[in-house]
Amino acid sequence: QVSLVESGGGLVQPGGSLTLPCSVSGETFTIYAVGWFRQAPGKERKFVAAITWTCGNTFYADSVKGRFTISSDNAKNTRYLQMNSLKPEDTAIYYCGCRGTSNYDSWGQGTQVTVSS
């Protein structure tokens, strides 16, 4: 079993920045990758970024490339999503999830990010 806890959400103006930590605990040896997803009101949950647990390879959705950065702090078992140049369309609930050999199957509770003036 793996437990994930997101934090760091809030209200930010367009063009601003936020960093979302995802704290991971439990059977971390089963994790292949940790990913960030987001879900806007009335829309499906969508992939944002991911990082492999051991090697730190990163992957991004086209919509966030160049603006968001996913990173690791292995000593703290925490994965971060640094979000810069935020836009109103980035407004969503952001979820941290992890996967082993198949699909993402463990999720945090989510954290709300609102980009508005």
N, C-alpha and C. Protein backbone atom coordinates (compact mmCIF):
# COMPACT_ATOMS: atom_id res chain seq x y z
N GLN A 1 0.84 -1.20 0.00
CA GLN A 1 0.00 0.00 0.00
C GLN A 1 0.87 1.24 0.00
N VAL A 2 0.45 2.22 -0.79
CA VAL A 2 1.14 3.51 -0.87
C VAL A 2 0.15 4.61 -0.52
N SER A 3 0.59 5.57 0.25
CA SER A 3 -0.22 6.73 0.61
C SER A 3 0.40 7.99 0.02
N LEU A 4 -0.44 8.84 -0.56
CA LEU A 4 0.03 10.09 -1.15
C LEU A 4 -0.79 11.24 -0.57
N VAL A 5 -0.10 12.33 -0.25
CA VAL A 5 -0.76 13.50 0.31
C VAL A 5 -0.27 14.74 -0.42
N GLU A 6 -1.20 15.44 -1.08
CA GLU A 6 -0.86 16.68 -1.77
C GLU A 6 -1.09 17.87 -0.85
N SER A 7 -0.40 18.95 -1.14
CA SER A 7 -0.62 20.21 -0.44
C SER A 7 -0.17 21.34 -1.36
N GLY A 8 -0.30 22.57 -0.87
CA GLY A 8 0.25 23.71 -1.60
C GLY A 8 -0.69 24.43 -2.53
N GLY A 9 -1.93 23.96 -2.65
CA GLY A 9 -2.87 24.64 -3.52
C GLY A 9 -3.31 25.98 -2.96
N GLY A 10 -4.01 26.75 -3.79
CA GLY A 10 -4.49 28.05 -3.33
C GLY A 10 -4.92 28.92 -4.48
N LEU A 11 -5.13 30.20 -4.17
CA LEU A 11 -5.54 31.19 -5.17
C LEU A 11 -4.31 31.98 -5.59
N VAL A 12 -4.13 32.11 -6.90
CA VAL A 12 -2.98 32.84 -7.44
C VAL A 12 -3.43 33.64 -8.64
N GLN A 13 -2.80 34.77 -8.86
CA GLN A 13 -3.14 35.61 -10.00
C GLN A 13 -2.53 35.05 -11.27
N PRO A 14 -3.13 35.35 -12.41
CA PRO A 14 -2.53 34.94 -13.69
C PRO A 14 -1.08 35.44 -13.78
N GLY A 15 -0.22 34.55 -14.27
CA GLY A 15 1.21 34.86 -14.35
C GLY A 15 1.99 34.49 -13.11
N GLY A 16 1.28 34.11 -12.05
CA GLY A 16 1.93 33.76 -10.79
C GLY A 16 2.44 32.33 -10.76
N SER A 17 2.95 31.94 -9.60
CA SER A 17 3.56 30.63 -9.42
C SER A 17 3.04 29.95 -8.16
N LEU A 18 3.05 28.63 -8.20
CA LEU A 18 2.73 27.80 -7.03
C LEU A 18 3.58 26.55 -7.12
N THR A 19 3.90 25.98 -5.96
CA THR A 19 4.56 24.68 -5.90
C THR A 19 3.71 23.72 -5.09
N LEU A 20 3.42 22.57 -5.68
CA LEU A 20 2.60 21.55 -5.04
C LEU A 20 3.49 20.39 -4.62
N PRO A 21 3.63 20.13 -3.32
CA PRO A 21 4.35 18.93 -2.86
C PRO A 21 3.41 17.72 -2.83
N CYS A 22 3.95 16.56 -3.10
CA CYS A 22 3.24 15.29 -2.95
C CYS A 22 4.11 14.40 -2.07
N SER A 23 3.65 14.18 -0.84
CA SER A 23 4.39 13.35 0.11
C SER A 23 3.96 11.90 -0.05
N VAL A 24 4.92 11.00 -0.23
CA VAL A 24 4.65 9.60 -0.51
C VAL A 24 5.16 8.74 0.65
N SER A 25 4.34 7.79 1.09
CA SER A 25 4.76 6.89 2.15
C SER A 25 4.22 5.49 1.89
N GLY A 26 4.73 4.53 2.66
CA GLY A 26 4.30 3.15 2.51
C GLY A 26 5.28 2.34 1.68
N GLU A 27 4.75 1.44 0.85
CA GLU A 27 5.57 0.50 0.08
C GLU A 27 6.11 1.17 -1.18
N THR A 28 7.02 2.11 -0.99
CA THR A 28 7.53 2.90 -2.12
C THR A 28 8.36 2.05 -3.08
N PHE A 29 8.81 0.87 -2.63
CA PHE A 29 9.58 0.01 -3.53
C PHE A 29 8.72 -0.52 -4.67
N THR A 30 7.41 -0.40 -4.56
CA THR A 30 6.50 -0.86 -5.63
C THR A 30 6.26 0.21 -6.70
N ILE A 31 6.77 1.42 -6.48
CA ILE A 31 6.44 2.54 -7.36
C ILE A 31 7.38 2.59 -8.57
N TYR A 32 6.78 2.72 -9.74
CA TYR A 32 7.56 2.98 -10.95
C TYR A 32 7.61 4.48 -11.24
N ALA A 33 6.48 5.15 -11.06
CA ALA A 33 6.42 6.58 -11.36
C ALA A 33 5.37 7.27 -10.50
N VAL A 34 5.58 8.54 -10.29
CA VAL A 34 4.60 9.41 -9.63
C VAL A 34 4.17 10.46 -10.64
N GLY A 35 2.87 10.68 -10.71
CA GLY A 35 2.36 11.64 -11.68
C GLY A 35 1.42 12.65 -11.06
N TRP A 36 1.32 13.78 -11.72
CA TRP A 36 0.33 14.80 -11.36
C TRP A 36 -0.74 14.84 -12.46
N PHE A 37 -1.98 14.88 -12.02
CA PHE A 37 -3.12 14.98 -12.90
C PHE A 37 -3.99 16.13 -12.41
N ARG A 38 -4.87 16.63 -13.26
CA ARG A 38 -5.77 17.68 -12.81
C ARG A 38 -7.15 17.47 -13.40
N GLN A 39 -8.14 17.96 -12.66
CA GLN A 39 -9.53 17.83 -13.09
C GLN A 39 -10.24 19.15 -12.89
N ALA A 40 -10.65 19.76 -13.99
CA ALA A 40 -11.42 20.99 -13.94
C ALA A 40 -12.90 20.64 -13.79
N PRO A 41 -13.72 21.58 -13.32
CA PRO A 41 -15.15 21.30 -13.12
C PRO A 41 -15.81 20.83 -14.41
N GLY A 42 -16.51 19.71 -14.31
CA GLY A 42 -17.23 19.19 -15.46
C GLY A 42 -16.37 18.51 -16.51
N LYS A 43 -15.10 18.31 -16.21
CA LYS A 43 -14.20 17.71 -17.19
C LYS A 43 -13.53 16.47 -16.61
N GLU A 44 -12.93 15.68 -17.50
CA GLU A 44 -12.23 14.48 -17.07
C GLU A 44 -10.87 14.83 -16.45
N ARG A 45 -10.39 13.91 -15.62
CA ARG A 45 -9.05 14.06 -15.07
C ARG A 45 -8.03 13.87 -16.19
N LYS A 46 -7.06 14.77 -16.25
CA LYS A 46 -6.07 14.74 -17.32
C LYS A 46 -4.65 14.72 -16.77
N PHE A 47 -3.78 14.09 -17.52
CA PHE A 47 -2.38 13.99 -17.18
C PHE A 47 -1.71 15.36 -17.28
N VAL A 48 -0.84 15.66 -16.30
CA VAL A 48 -0.08 16.91 -16.32
C VAL A 48 1.41 16.64 -16.46
N ALA A 49 1.96 15.81 -15.55
CA ALA A 49 3.39 15.54 -15.56
C ALA A 49 3.66 14.28 -14.75
N ALA A 50 4.80 13.64 -15.00
CA ALA A 50 5.18 12.45 -14.25
C ALA A 50 6.69 12.38 -14.14
N ILE A 51 7.14 11.64 -13.13
CA ILE A 51 8.56 11.43 -12.93
C ILE A 51 8.77 10.00 -12.45
N THR A 52 9.73 9.30 -13.04
CA THR A 52 9.99 7.94 -12.62
C THR A 52 10.68 7.95 -11.26
N TRP A 53 10.35 6.94 -10.45
CA TRP A 53 10.77 6.95 -9.05
C TRP A 53 12.27 6.83 -8.89
N THR A 54 12.88 5.93 -9.66
CA THR A 54 14.29 5.64 -9.46
C THR A 54 15.20 6.55 -10.30
N CYS A 55 14.89 6.67 -11.60
CA CYS A 55 15.81 7.39 -12.50
C CYS A 55 15.50 8.87 -12.63
N GLY A 56 14.29 9.28 -12.26
CA GLY A 56 13.95 10.69 -12.36
C GLY A 56 13.65 11.18 -13.75
N ASN A 57 13.31 10.27 -14.68
CA ASN A 57 12.91 10.70 -16.01
C ASN A 57 11.57 11.44 -15.92
N THR A 58 11.44 12.51 -16.69
CA THR A 58 10.24 13.35 -16.58
C THR A 58 9.45 13.37 -17.88
N PHE A 59 8.15 13.59 -17.74
CA PHE A 59 7.22 13.62 -18.86
C PHE A 59 6.20 14.72 -18.58
N TYR A 60 5.79 15.42 -19.65
CA TYR A 60 4.87 16.54 -19.49
C TYR A 60 3.79 16.54 -20.55
N ALA A 61 2.61 17.01 -20.18
CA ALA A 61 1.58 17.30 -21.17
C ALA A 61 2.01 18.52 -21.97
N ASP A 62 1.61 18.57 -23.23
CA ASP A 62 2.00 19.70 -24.08
C ASP A 62 1.54 21.03 -23.50
N SER A 63 0.40 21.02 -22.84
CA SER A 63 -0.18 22.26 -22.33
C SER A 63 0.63 22.91 -21.22
N VAL A 64 1.54 22.15 -20.60
CA VAL A 64 2.31 22.70 -19.48
C VAL A 64 3.81 22.73 -19.74
N LYS A 65 4.24 22.20 -20.85
CA LYS A 65 5.68 22.19 -21.16
C LYS A 65 6.25 23.60 -21.16
N GLY A 66 7.39 23.75 -20.50
CA GLY A 66 8.02 25.06 -20.42
C GLY A 66 7.51 25.92 -19.28
N ARG A 67 6.40 25.52 -18.67
CA ARG A 67 5.85 26.29 -17.55
C ARG A 67 5.89 25.52 -16.23
N PHE A 68 5.68 24.22 -16.29
CA PHE A 68 5.66 23.38 -15.10
C PHE A 68 6.91 22.52 -15.06
N THR A 69 7.37 22.23 -13.84
CA THR A 69 8.51 21.35 -13.64
C THR A 69 8.20 20.38 -12.52
N ILE A 70 8.41 19.08 -12.78
CA ILE A 70 8.24 18.06 -11.75
C ILE A 70 9.62 17.65 -11.28
N SER A 71 9.77 17.48 -9.95
CA SER A 71 11.08 17.17 -9.39
C SER A 71 10.93 16.27 -8.17
N SER A 72 12.08 15.77 -7.68
CA SER A 72 12.10 14.81 -6.58
C SER A 72 12.97 15.29 -5.43
N ASP A 73 12.56 14.95 -4.23
CA ASP A 73 13.42 15.01 -3.04
C ASP A 73 13.37 13.62 -2.43
N ASN A 74 14.34 12.78 -2.78
CA ASN A 74 14.30 11.39 -2.36
C ASN A 74 14.44 11.24 -0.84
N ALA A 75 15.17 12.14 -0.21
CA ALA A 75 15.33 12.06 1.24
C ALA A 75 14.00 12.24 1.96
N LYS A 76 13.11 13.02 1.36
CA LYS A 76 11.81 13.28 1.97
C LYS A 76 10.69 12.45 1.33
N ASN A 77 11.02 11.62 0.32
CA ASN A 77 9.99 10.87 -0.42
C ASN A 77 8.89 11.81 -0.90
N THR A 78 9.30 12.95 -1.41
CA THR A 78 8.35 13.95 -1.87
C THR A 78 8.63 14.31 -3.33
N ARG A 79 7.55 14.46 -4.09
CA ARG A 79 7.65 14.89 -5.47
C ARG A 79 6.92 16.22 -5.59
N TYR A 80 7.55 17.15 -6.32
CA TYR A 80 7.04 18.51 -6.39
C TYR A 80 6.59 18.85 -7.81
N LEU A 81 5.55 19.66 -7.88
CA LEU A 81 5.14 20.23 -9.16
C LEU A 81 5.27 21.74 -9.04
N GLN A 82 6.30 22.29 -9.67
CA GLN A 82 6.50 23.73 -9.71
C GLN A 82 5.75 24.28 -10.90
N MET A 83 4.84 25.21 -10.64
CA MET A 83 3.98 25.75 -11.70
C MET A 83 4.26 27.25 -11.84
N ASN A 84 4.72 27.64 -13.00
CA ASN A 84 5.01 29.05 -13.29
C ASN A 84 4.11 29.55 -14.42
N SER A 85 4.04 30.85 -14.56
CA SER A 85 3.25 31.48 -15.63
C SER A 85 1.84 30.90 -15.67
N LEU A 86 1.21 30.82 -14.53
CA LEU A 86 -0.10 30.20 -14.43
C LEU A 86 -1.15 30.98 -15.21
N LYS A 87 -2.09 30.22 -15.78
CA LYS A 87 -3.17 30.78 -16.59
C LYS A 87 -4.51 30.40 -15.96
N PRO A 88 -5.56 31.15 -16.23
CA PRO A 88 -6.88 30.77 -15.70
C PRO A 88 -7.27 29.34 -16.07
N GLU A 89 -6.87 28.88 -17.24
CA GLU A 89 -7.22 27.52 -17.65
C GLU A 89 -6.45 26.45 -16.89
N ASP A 90 -5.52 26.82 -16.05
CA ASP A 90 -4.84 25.86 -15.17
C ASP A 90 -5.66 25.59 -13.91
N THR A 91 -6.75 26.32 -13.73
CA THR A 91 -7.60 26.13 -12.56
C THR A 91 -8.19 24.73 -12.56
N ALA A 92 -7.99 24.00 -11.47
CA ALA A 92 -8.45 22.62 -11.36
C ALA A 92 -8.10 22.08 -9.98
N ILE A 93 -8.62 20.90 -9.69
CA ILE A 93 -8.13 20.13 -8.56
C ILE A 93 -6.95 19.31 -9.06
N TYR A 94 -5.84 19.40 -8.39
CA TYR A 94 -4.63 18.69 -8.78
C TYR A 94 -4.45 17.46 -7.89
N TYR A 95 -4.26 16.32 -8.53
CA TYR A 95 -4.10 15.05 -7.84
C TYR A 95 -2.72 14.47 -8.11
N CYS A 96 -2.17 13.88 -7.07
CA CYS A 96 -0.92 13.14 -7.17
C CYS A 96 -1.27 11.66 -7.16
N GLY A 97 -0.67 10.90 -8.08
CA GLY A 97 -0.93 9.48 -8.14
C GLY A 97 0.36 8.71 -8.39
N CYS A 98 0.31 7.41 -8.14
CA CYS A 98 1.50 6.60 -8.44
C CYS A 98 1.08 5.32 -9.15
N ARG A 99 2.05 4.75 -9.88
CA ARG A 99 1.80 3.53 -10.60
C ARG A 99 2.97 2.59 -10.40
N GLY A 100 2.63 1.28 -10.51
CA GLY A 100 3.68 0.28 -10.53
C GLY A 100 3.91 -0.16 -11.95
N THR A 101 3.60 -1.43 -12.26
CA THR A 101 3.83 -1.96 -13.60
C THR A 101 2.66 -1.71 -14.55
N SER A 102 1.54 -1.23 -14.00
CA SER A 102 0.39 -1.00 -14.88
C SER A 102 -0.12 0.42 -14.71
N ASN A 103 -1.41 0.57 -14.46
CA ASN A 103 -2.00 1.91 -14.42
C ASN A 103 -1.79 2.59 -13.07
N TYR A 104 -2.03 3.90 -13.07
CA TYR A 104 -2.05 4.64 -11.81
C TYR A 104 -3.19 4.09 -10.96
N ASP A 105 -2.85 3.65 -9.73
CA ASP A 105 -3.87 3.00 -8.92
C ASP A 105 -3.91 3.50 -7.48
N SER A 106 -3.08 4.45 -7.13
CA SER A 106 -3.14 5.07 -5.81
C SER A 106 -3.15 6.57 -5.99
N TRP A 107 -4.03 7.24 -5.22
CA TRP A 107 -4.23 8.67 -5.41
C TRP A 107 -4.28 9.39 -4.07
N GLY A 108 -3.88 10.66 -4.12
CA GLY A 108 -4.09 11.52 -2.98
C GLY A 108 -5.49 12.11 -3.01
N GLN A 109 -5.77 12.99 -2.05
CA GLN A 109 -7.11 13.55 -1.92
C GLN A 109 -7.32 14.75 -2.84
N GLY A 110 -6.24 15.30 -3.40
CA GLY A 110 -6.35 16.44 -4.29
C GLY A 110 -6.17 17.77 -3.58
N THR A 111 -5.73 18.76 -4.33
CA THR A 111 -5.59 20.11 -3.80
C THR A 111 -6.06 21.10 -4.86
N GLN A 112 -6.85 22.08 -4.44
CA GLN A 112 -7.45 23.03 -5.37
C GLN A 112 -6.47 24.12 -5.75
N VAL A 113 -6.35 24.36 -7.05
CA VAL A 113 -5.58 25.48 -7.57
C VAL A 113 -6.52 26.37 -8.36
N THR A 114 -6.59 27.64 -7.98
CA THR A 114 -7.45 28.60 -8.67
C THR A 114 -6.59 29.76 -9.17
N VAL A 115 -6.66 29.99 -10.47
CA VAL A 115 -5.90 31.08 -11.09
C VAL A 115 -6.90 32.15 -11.53
N SER A 116 -6.88 33.27 -10.83
CA SER A 116 -7.87 34.31 -11.09
C SER A 116 -7.38 35.65 -10.56
N SER A 117 -7.78 36.71 -11.25
CA SER A 117 -7.44 38.05 -10.78
C SER A 117 -8.55 38.60 -9.91
